[in-house]
Amino acid sequence: MEHKGTRFSPSLCVTHDCNLNCVYCYQKHDSGMKMPLDVAKASIDWIFDNVPSGMSEVEISFIGGEPLLEFDLIKDIIDYTRSKERKEKYVFFATTNGTLLTDTMKEWFDQNNELFVLGLCLDGNKLTHDHNRSNSFGNIDLDFFKRNWPYQTVKMTLSDFSLCHLSDNIKYIHSHGFKIAGVNLGEGDFDWGRDEYIKTLVPQLKELVKYYIKNDTLPLNQMFDKKLHYCEFKEKMLKKWCGIGIGTPFFDIDGKIYPCTYVTPMTYPFDDIETIKNIDFTNESNFLDEDCYNNCYIYPICPTCAGANYFVNKDLKTRDKRKCKIQQLIALFIADLTAKRIIKDRTSFDDGTLHYTIKAIQQIRELYLKEFEVYFK
């Protein structure tokens, strides 16, 4: 089994439970369902027995629900992994809502922060985070995360409520010294192409362009951190965006293996999962939306999730076209930000990259500026 890249990224679902009820959650959380230790041990053995060729590192993620509900189980799994000699380097990771950390847990993480990394879900300031994530802001110790993993990014998910507060929320997170990996549109029932969402987002993106120009040493959040010159080399871009089915096996609480963290019994009924599992994950054409690839200039920088595509369209490769308009708008502001950064300091680009980046800026403006001008008034 071969896989592009150097890191194998399996996940263990230690519980279906979650202590929150976030507004954009697409999972079904079954009370009392957790992974037995013997199942976890067997899953760990499978992982190290099946590392794809060419993989030199293993990142084992703990998933839920909320994984820290099963903190004792996680510690037992780590002790078991350590008890055997492993030829690959490995590290543990969990994304958490951050609300369950006790003093005992914090002490353990303080002592094991090189072996175990916690990533925090944080949607911004108290107003937005409490709306999206069950009034949980006051239960999060931001300093704990910053102290232990100063390099680690936080993950932000957008609801419709988030849009009119987006710039304030991003500034707030940066003000606490965090980088932002994900600024992800909520999946599922959100129709992101609605006109009201576009109108709301325009002034927020304008403000963020100003903010990132003024703070030009600050790492861009994931929404803006796109390589525009890729748009000029579409034919060379990967047609499959992730390791689904190959590099990202997901072990459910019963030890059954699924293609990724999205394609699980918490998201899909059995029949849909069986259909997905029978797809040839090594064939990139099964993940190529030909309409987008052939007709959309920003295809190389437009994010997609195969599992989320199936959730909407019953098809891994057909993208959620309700997101097209909002992604085109974001691309227009990425082009604006990039152009202003070039004017401010063109030495941040090598000559070849600079040439194709400028071409991409011009093309994006030609394609989308007229369409969105009405929203700028």
Protein backbone atom coordinates (compact mmCIF):
# COMPACT_ATOMS: atom_id res chain seq x y z
CA MET A 1 0.00 0.00 0.00
CA GLU A 2 1.51 3.33 -1.06
CA HIS A 3 0.50 6.81 -0.12
CA LYS A 4 1.80 10.23 -1.10
CA GLY A 5 3.45 12.17 1.72
CA THR A 6 5.41 11.12 4.77
CA ARG A 7 2.87 10.94 7.60
CA PHE A 8 0.31 8.20 8.19
CA SER A 9 -2.74 9.69 9.94
CA PRO A 10 -5.11 7.11 11.43
CA SER A 11 -7.82 8.05 13.94
CA LEU A 12 -9.38 6.19 16.85
CA CYS A 13 -12.92 7.11 17.89
CA VAL A 14 -12.81 6.66 21.64
CA THR A 15 -16.41 7.80 22.20
CA HIS A 16 -19.55 8.79 20.32
CA ASP A 17 -20.53 11.09 23.17
CA CYS A 18 -20.09 14.85 23.26
CA ASN A 19 -20.79 17.29 26.06
CA LEU A 20 -21.74 20.10 23.66
CA ASN A 21 -24.37 20.56 20.97
CA CYS A 22 -22.76 22.83 18.38
CA VAL A 23 -25.04 24.53 15.88
CA TYR A 24 -23.21 23.15 12.82
CA CYS A 25 -22.61 19.57 14.05
CA TYR A 26 -23.57 16.91 11.51
CA GLN A 27 -22.88 13.89 13.74
CA LYS A 28 -25.28 11.75 15.77
CA HIS A 29 -23.96 11.27 19.30
CA ASP A 30 -25.09 8.02 20.98
CA SER A 31 -24.96 8.14 24.75
CA GLY A 32 -22.67 5.62 26.43
CA MET A 33 -20.91 4.37 23.30
CA LYS A 34 -17.15 4.14 23.79
CA MET A 35 -14.19 2.04 22.59
CA PRO A 36 -13.16 -0.89 24.82
CA LEU A 37 -9.45 -1.06 25.65
CA ASP A 38 -8.95 -4.43 23.96
CA VAL A 39 -10.40 -2.99 20.73
CA ALA A 40 -8.11 0.02 21.06
CA LYS A 41 -5.04 -2.22 21.52
CA ALA A 42 -5.95 -4.24 18.42
CA SER A 43 -6.41 -1.02 16.46
CA ILE A 44 -2.97 0.24 17.53
CA ASP A 45 -1.40 -3.06 16.47
CA TRP A 46 -3.11 -2.85 13.08
CA ILE A 47 -1.88 0.70 12.59
CA PHE A 48 1.78 -0.14 13.11
CA ASP A 49 1.49 -3.36 11.11
CA ASN A 50 0.01 -1.49 8.14
CA VAL A 51 1.97 1.73 7.81
CA PRO A 52 2.03 2.50 4.05
CA SER A 53 5.37 2.20 2.30
CA GLY A 54 7.26 5.49 2.32
CA MET A 55 5.62 6.63 5.56
CA SER A 56 8.18 7.51 8.22
CA GLU A 57 5.87 9.06 10.81
CA VAL A 58 2.56 8.10 12.37
CA GLU A 59 0.14 10.64 13.84
CA ILE A 60 -2.58 8.85 15.81
CA SER A 61 -5.59 11.06 16.44
CA PHE A 62 -8.23 10.54 19.07
CA ILE A 63 -11.67 11.50 17.85
CA GLY A 64 -15.18 11.74 19.26
CA GLY A 65 -17.61 13.10 20.01
CA GLU A 66 -15.41 14.82 22.50
CA PRO A 67 -12.33 12.61 23.02
CA LEU A 68 -11.42 13.97 26.45
CA LEU A 69 -14.57 12.36 27.84
CA GLU A 70 -12.40 9.21 27.70
CA PHE A 71 -9.19 10.66 29.07
CA ASP A 72 -8.35 7.54 31.15
CA LEU A 73 -8.82 5.30 28.12
CA ILE A 74 -6.56 7.58 26.06
CA LYS A 75 -3.83 7.30 28.69
CA ASP A 76 -4.13 3.50 28.66
CA ILE A 77 -3.83 3.45 24.86
CA ILE A 78 -0.70 5.58 25.02
CA ASP A 79 0.83 3.35 27.70
CA TYR A 80 0.14 0.31 25.49
CA THR A 81 1.68 1.98 22.44
CA ARG A 82 4.78 2.84 24.44
CA SER A 83 5.08 -0.70 25.77
CA LYS A 84 6.13 -2.05 22.36
CA GLU A 85 9.06 -1.12 20.19
CA ARG A 86 7.97 0.87 17.15
CA LYS A 87 10.24 1.53 14.17
CA GLU A 88 8.28 4.60 13.05
CA LYS A 89 8.24 7.89 14.89
CA TYR A 90 4.81 8.57 16.33
CA VAL A 91 2.86 11.32 18.01
CA PHE A 92 -0.67 11.55 19.39
CA PHE A 93 -3.17 14.27 18.61
CA ALA A 94 -6.71 15.19 19.57
CA THR A 95 -8.97 18.06 18.63
CA THR A 96 -10.95 19.13 21.65
CA ASN A 97 -13.56 21.68 22.63
CA GLY A 98 -11.34 22.41 25.64
CA THR A 99 -14.11 22.45 28.23
CA LEU A 100 -13.34 19.27 30.19
CA LEU A 101 -9.73 19.82 31.21
CA THR A 102 -9.28 19.28 34.93
CA ASP A 103 -6.15 20.16 36.93
CA THR A 104 -5.18 16.47 36.82
CA MET A 105 -5.51 16.36 33.03
CA LYS A 106 -3.55 19.58 32.63
CA GLU A 107 -0.73 18.22 34.76
CA TRP A 108 -0.55 15.08 32.60
CA PHE A 109 -0.50 17.11 29.37
CA ASP A 110 2.15 19.43 30.83
CA GLN A 111 4.34 16.35 31.32
CA ASN A 112 3.57 14.83 27.90
CA ASN A 113 3.22 17.83 25.62
CA GLU A 114 5.85 16.62 23.16
CA LEU A 115 4.24 13.21 22.71
CA PHE A 116 0.65 14.45 22.74
CA VAL A 117 -0.67 17.58 21.02
CA LEU A 118 -4.08 19.05 21.73
CA GLY A 119 -5.72 21.17 19.06
CA LEU A 120 -8.42 23.57 20.19
CA CYS A 121 -11.69 24.37 18.44
CA LEU A 122 -12.26 28.09 18.97
CA ASP A 123 -14.76 30.07 16.92
CA GLY A 124 -13.62 33.48 18.14
CA ASN A 125 -14.64 35.73 20.99
CA LYS A 126 -17.17 34.88 23.69
CA LEU A 127 -20.19 36.15 21.75
CA THR A 128 -19.64 33.99 18.69
CA HIS A 129 -18.17 30.97 20.44
CA ASP A 130 -21.02 30.78 22.94
CA HIS A 131 -23.59 31.01 20.15
CA ASN A 132 -21.96 28.27 18.08
CA ARG A 133 -20.69 25.98 20.83
CA SER A 134 -23.22 25.70 23.65
CA ASN A 135 -22.14 28.64 25.84
CA SER A 136 -18.81 26.94 26.51
CA PHE A 137 -16.36 29.84 26.17
CA GLY A 138 -15.96 30.39 29.89
CA ASN A 139 -14.78 26.79 30.39
CA ILE A 140 -11.73 27.11 28.11
CA ASP A 141 -8.26 27.86 29.47
CA LEU A 142 -6.62 29.57 26.50
CA ASP A 143 -3.34 30.09 28.35
CA PHE A 144 -3.01 26.33 28.91
CA PHE A 145 -3.09 25.65 25.16
CA LYS A 146 -0.75 28.51 24.35
CA ARG A 147 1.75 27.46 27.03
CA ASN A 148 1.95 23.82 25.98
CA TRP A 149 1.68 24.08 22.19
CA PRO A 150 2.61 27.63 21.11
CA TYR A 151 3.10 26.42 17.52
CA GLN A 152 -0.28 24.68 17.31
CA THR A 153 -3.09 26.29 15.32
CA VAL A 154 -6.72 26.52 16.38
CA LYS A 155 -9.68 25.46 14.27
CA MET A 156 -12.56 27.81 13.56
CA THR A 157 -15.86 26.73 12.03
CA LEU A 158 -18.29 29.27 10.61
CA SER A 159 -22.02 29.32 11.16
CA ASP A 160 -24.32 31.87 9.57
CA PHE A 161 -24.11 33.82 12.85
CA SER A 162 -20.30 33.94 12.56
CA LEU A 163 -20.22 35.87 9.30
CA CYS A 164 -20.99 39.35 10.62
CA HIS A 165 -18.36 38.90 13.36
CA LEU A 166 -15.66 37.23 11.27
CA SER A 167 -13.00 39.96 11.34
CA ASP A 168 -13.41 40.58 15.07
CA ASN A 169 -13.16 36.85 15.76
CA ILE A 170 -10.02 36.35 13.71
CA LYS A 171 -8.40 39.39 15.31
CA TYR A 172 -9.37 38.09 18.73
CA ILE A 173 -7.76 34.70 18.15
CA HIS A 174 -4.57 36.28 16.77
CA SER A 175 -4.47 38.67 19.74
CA HIS A 176 -4.01 35.64 21.99
CA GLY A 177 -1.02 34.49 19.95
CA PHE A 178 -2.73 31.68 18.05
CA LYS A 179 -2.38 30.83 14.40
CA ILE A 180 -5.59 29.75 12.67
CA ALA A 181 -5.53 26.55 10.62
CA GLY A 182 -9.16 26.17 9.72
CA VAL A 183 -11.71 28.83 8.89
CA ASN A 184 -14.17 26.28 7.63
CA LEU A 185 -17.68 26.80 6.35
CA GLY A 186 -20.10 24.67 8.32
CA GLU A 187 -21.14 21.54 6.43
CA GLY A 188 -24.57 20.03 5.92
CA ASP A 189 -27.66 22.20 5.70
CA PHE A 190 -25.97 25.60 5.25
CA ASP A 191 -26.70 27.18 1.87
CA TRP A 192 -23.60 29.36 1.66
CA GLY A 193 -24.60 30.84 -1.69
CA ARG A 194 -27.42 32.93 -0.22
CA ASP A 195 -27.28 36.57 -1.17
CA GLU A 196 -27.54 37.77 2.44
CA TYR A 197 -24.41 35.81 3.36
CA ILE A 198 -22.43 37.40 0.53
CA LYS A 199 -23.54 40.90 1.56
CA THR A 200 -22.60 40.19 5.16
CA LEU A 201 -19.19 38.78 4.33
CA VAL A 202 -17.95 41.57 2.02
CA PRO A 203 -17.19 44.18 4.75
CA GLN A 204 -15.66 41.48 6.93
CA LEU A 205 -13.22 40.44 4.19
CA LYS A 206 -12.41 44.09 3.44
CA GLU A 207 -11.49 44.62 7.08
CA LEU A 208 -9.37 41.47 7.16
CA VAL A 209 -7.40 42.60 4.10
CA LYS A 210 -6.59 45.86 5.92
CA TYR A 211 -5.67 43.94 9.07
CA TYR A 212 -3.30 41.53 7.32
CA ILE A 213 -1.64 44.33 5.35
CA LYS A 214 -0.98 46.24 8.55
CA ASN A 215 0.19 43.08 10.33
CA ASP A 216 2.22 41.67 7.46
CA THR A 217 4.37 39.38 9.62
CA LEU A 218 1.32 37.59 10.97
CA PRO A 219 0.64 34.14 9.47
CA LEU A 220 -2.51 34.26 7.36
CA ASN A 221 -5.52 32.31 8.47
CA GLN A 222 -6.39 29.30 6.32
CA MET A 223 -9.12 31.17 4.43
CA PHE A 224 -6.59 33.67 3.02
CA ASP A 225 -3.50 31.46 2.91
CA LYS A 226 -3.79 30.27 -0.68
CA LYS A 227 -1.15 30.03 -3.41
CA LEU A 228 -2.76 31.91 -6.28
CA HIS A 229 -0.13 30.84 -8.79
CA TYR A 230 -1.51 27.29 -8.53
CA CYS A 231 -4.50 28.51 -10.56
CA GLU A 232 -2.16 28.85 -13.56
CA PHE A 233 -1.12 25.19 -13.29
CA LYS A 234 -4.44 23.43 -12.84
CA GLU A 235 -3.42 20.41 -14.87
CA LYS A 236 -0.62 19.69 -12.39
CA MET A 237 -2.83 19.92 -9.30
CA LEU A 238 -3.95 16.86 -7.37
CA LYS A 239 -7.40 15.71 -8.30
CA LYS A 240 -7.83 14.05 -4.93
CA TRP A 241 -7.52 16.51 -2.06
CA CYS A 242 -7.01 14.20 0.90
CA GLY A 243 -5.94 10.74 2.00
CA ILE A 244 -9.45 9.33 2.28
CA GLY A 245 -9.43 5.54 2.09
CA ILE A 246 -5.63 5.25 2.11
CA GLY A 247 -3.82 7.54 4.51
CA THR A 248 -6.62 8.36 6.96
CA PRO A 249 -8.23 5.15 8.29
CA PHE A 250 -10.82 5.73 11.00
CA PHE A 251 -11.36 3.10 13.70
CA ASP A 252 -14.82 3.28 15.17
CA ILE A 253 -15.58 2.28 18.78
CA ASP A 254 -16.09 -1.36 17.70
CA GLY A 255 -12.78 -1.49 15.80
CA LYS A 256 -14.34 -1.43 12.34
CA ILE A 257 -12.32 0.61 9.87
CA TYR A 258 -13.83 3.40 7.79
CA PRO A 259 -12.26 5.60 5.07
CA CYS A 260 -11.92 8.80 7.11
CA THR A 261 -13.25 10.74 10.08
CA TYR A 262 -16.23 12.02 8.07
CA VAL A 263 -17.39 8.68 6.71
CA THR A 264 -18.53 7.05 9.95
CA PRO A 265 -21.72 5.68 11.54
CA MET A 266 -22.08 8.99 13.36
CA THR A 267 -22.62 10.67 10.00
CA TYR A 268 -24.01 8.10 7.57
CA PRO A 269 -26.44 5.18 7.59
CA PHE A 270 -25.03 1.69 6.94
CA ASP A 271 -26.05 1.52 3.26
CA ASP A 272 -24.28 4.77 2.41
CA ILE A 273 -21.13 3.66 4.22
CA GLU A 274 -21.05 0.36 2.35
CA THR A 275 -21.42 2.21 -0.96
CA ILE A 276 -18.56 4.54 -0.09
CA LYS A 277 -16.29 1.74 1.14
CA ASN A 278 -16.60 -0.02 -2.22
CA ILE A 279 -15.18 2.94 -4.11
CA ASP A 280 -11.64 2.62 -5.49
CA PHE A 281 -9.81 5.24 -3.41
CA THR A 282 -6.63 4.88 -5.45
CA ASN A 283 -8.39 6.09 -8.61
CA GLU A 284 -8.25 9.90 -8.59
CA SER A 285 -10.96 10.14 -11.24
CA ASN A 286 -13.43 9.00 -8.57
CA PHE A 287 -12.72 12.27 -6.77
CA LEU A 288 -12.53 14.68 -9.70
CA ASP A 289 -15.47 17.00 -10.23
CA GLU A 290 -15.00 17.40 -13.98
CA ASP A 291 -17.30 20.42 -14.17
CA CYS A 292 -15.18 22.28 -11.59
CA TYR A 293 -11.89 21.06 -13.01
CA ASN A 294 -12.71 22.04 -16.60
CA ASN A 295 -14.63 25.25 -16.00
CA CYS A 296 -13.47 26.88 -12.78
CA TYR A 297 -10.26 28.89 -12.70
CA ILE A 298 -9.95 28.76 -8.91
CA TYR A 299 -10.31 24.98 -8.73
CA PRO A 300 -6.75 24.54 -7.33
CA ILE A 301 -7.44 26.80 -4.33
CA CYS A 302 -11.08 25.92 -3.67
CA PRO A 303 -11.28 23.58 -0.65
CA THR A 304 -13.41 20.47 -0.73
CA CYS A 305 -14.16 17.42 1.39
CA ALA A 306 -15.13 14.17 -0.31
CA GLY A 307 -17.12 13.01 2.70
CA ALA A 308 -19.04 16.28 2.87
CA ASN A 309 -19.70 16.08 -0.87
CA TYR A 310 -21.39 12.73 -0.36
CA PHE A 311 -23.41 14.14 2.53
CA VAL A 312 -24.96 16.68 0.15
CA ASN A 313 -24.89 14.94 -3.25
CA LYS A 314 -24.56 11.20 -2.54
CA ASP A 315 -21.35 11.41 -4.56
CA LEU A 316 -17.78 11.86 -3.32
CA LYS A 317 -16.61 13.89 -6.30
CA THR A 318 -19.49 16.26 -6.99
CA ARG A 319 -18.81 19.36 -4.97
CA ASP A 320 -21.41 21.37 -3.10
CA LYS A 321 -22.12 24.05 -5.69
CA ARG A 322 -23.91 26.16 -3.09
CA LYS A 323 -20.42 27.19 -1.98
CA CYS A 324 -19.26 28.40 -5.39
CA LYS A 325 -20.28 32.04 -5.03
CA ILE A 326 -18.79 32.48 -1.58
CA GLN A 327 -15.52 30.82 -2.62
CA GLN A 328 -15.30 33.11 -5.65
CA LEU A 329 -15.80 36.10 -3.36
CA ILE A 330 -13.08 34.88 -1.02
CA ALA A 331 -10.74 34.35 -3.99
CA LEU A 332 -11.34 37.95 -5.06
CA PHE A 333 -10.23 39.22 -1.66
CA ILE A 334 -7.26 36.86 -1.58
CA ALA A 335 -6.22 38.43 -4.89
CA ASP A 336 -6.67 41.91 -3.40
CA LEU A 337 -4.60 41.05 -0.33
CA THR A 338 -1.88 39.37 -2.39
CA ALA A 339 -1.63 42.33 -4.78
CA LYS A 340 -1.25 44.76 -1.89
CA ARG A 341 1.40 42.56 -0.27
CA ILE A 342 3.33 42.48 -3.55
CA ILE A 343 3.24 46.28 -3.77
CA LYS A 344 4.40 46.52 -0.17
CA ASP A 345 7.22 43.96 -0.52
CA ARG A 346 7.70 42.04 -3.76
CA THR A 347 10.83 40.32 -2.40
CA SER A 348 8.62 37.82 -0.58
CA PHE A 349 8.05 36.14 -3.98
CA ASP A 350 10.65 34.60 -6.25
CA ASP A 351 10.50 35.81 -9.86
CA GLY A 352 8.75 32.77 -11.28
CA THR A 353 6.11 32.63 -8.58
CA LEU A 354 5.60 36.39 -8.77
CA HIS A 355 4.93 36.24 -12.52
CA TYR A 356 2.22 33.60 -12.25
CA THR A 357 0.76 35.12 -9.10
CA ILE A 358 0.23 38.42 -10.90
CA LYS A 359 -1.39 36.60 -13.82
CA ALA A 360 -3.72 34.85 -11.39
CA ILE A 361 -4.64 38.12 -9.68
CA GLN A 362 -5.51 39.65 -13.03
CA GLN A 363 -7.55 36.64 -14.09
CA ILE A 364 -9.52 36.45 -10.83
CA ARG A 365 -10.35 40.15 -11.04
CA GLU A 366 -11.50 39.75 -14.66
CA LEU A 367 -13.68 36.78 -13.78
CA TYR A 368 -15.34 37.94 -10.57
CA LEU A 369 -14.96 41.66 -9.88
CA LYS A 370 -17.87 42.78 -12.04
CA GLU A 371 -20.16 40.14 -10.56
CA PHE A 372 -19.52 41.27 -6.99
CA GLU A 373 -19.26 45.05 -7.56
CA VAL A 374 -22.88 45.50 -6.51
CA TYR A 375 -22.01 44.26 -3.03
CA PHE A 376 -19.16 46.76 -2.62
CA LYS A 377 -21.41 49.83 -2.78
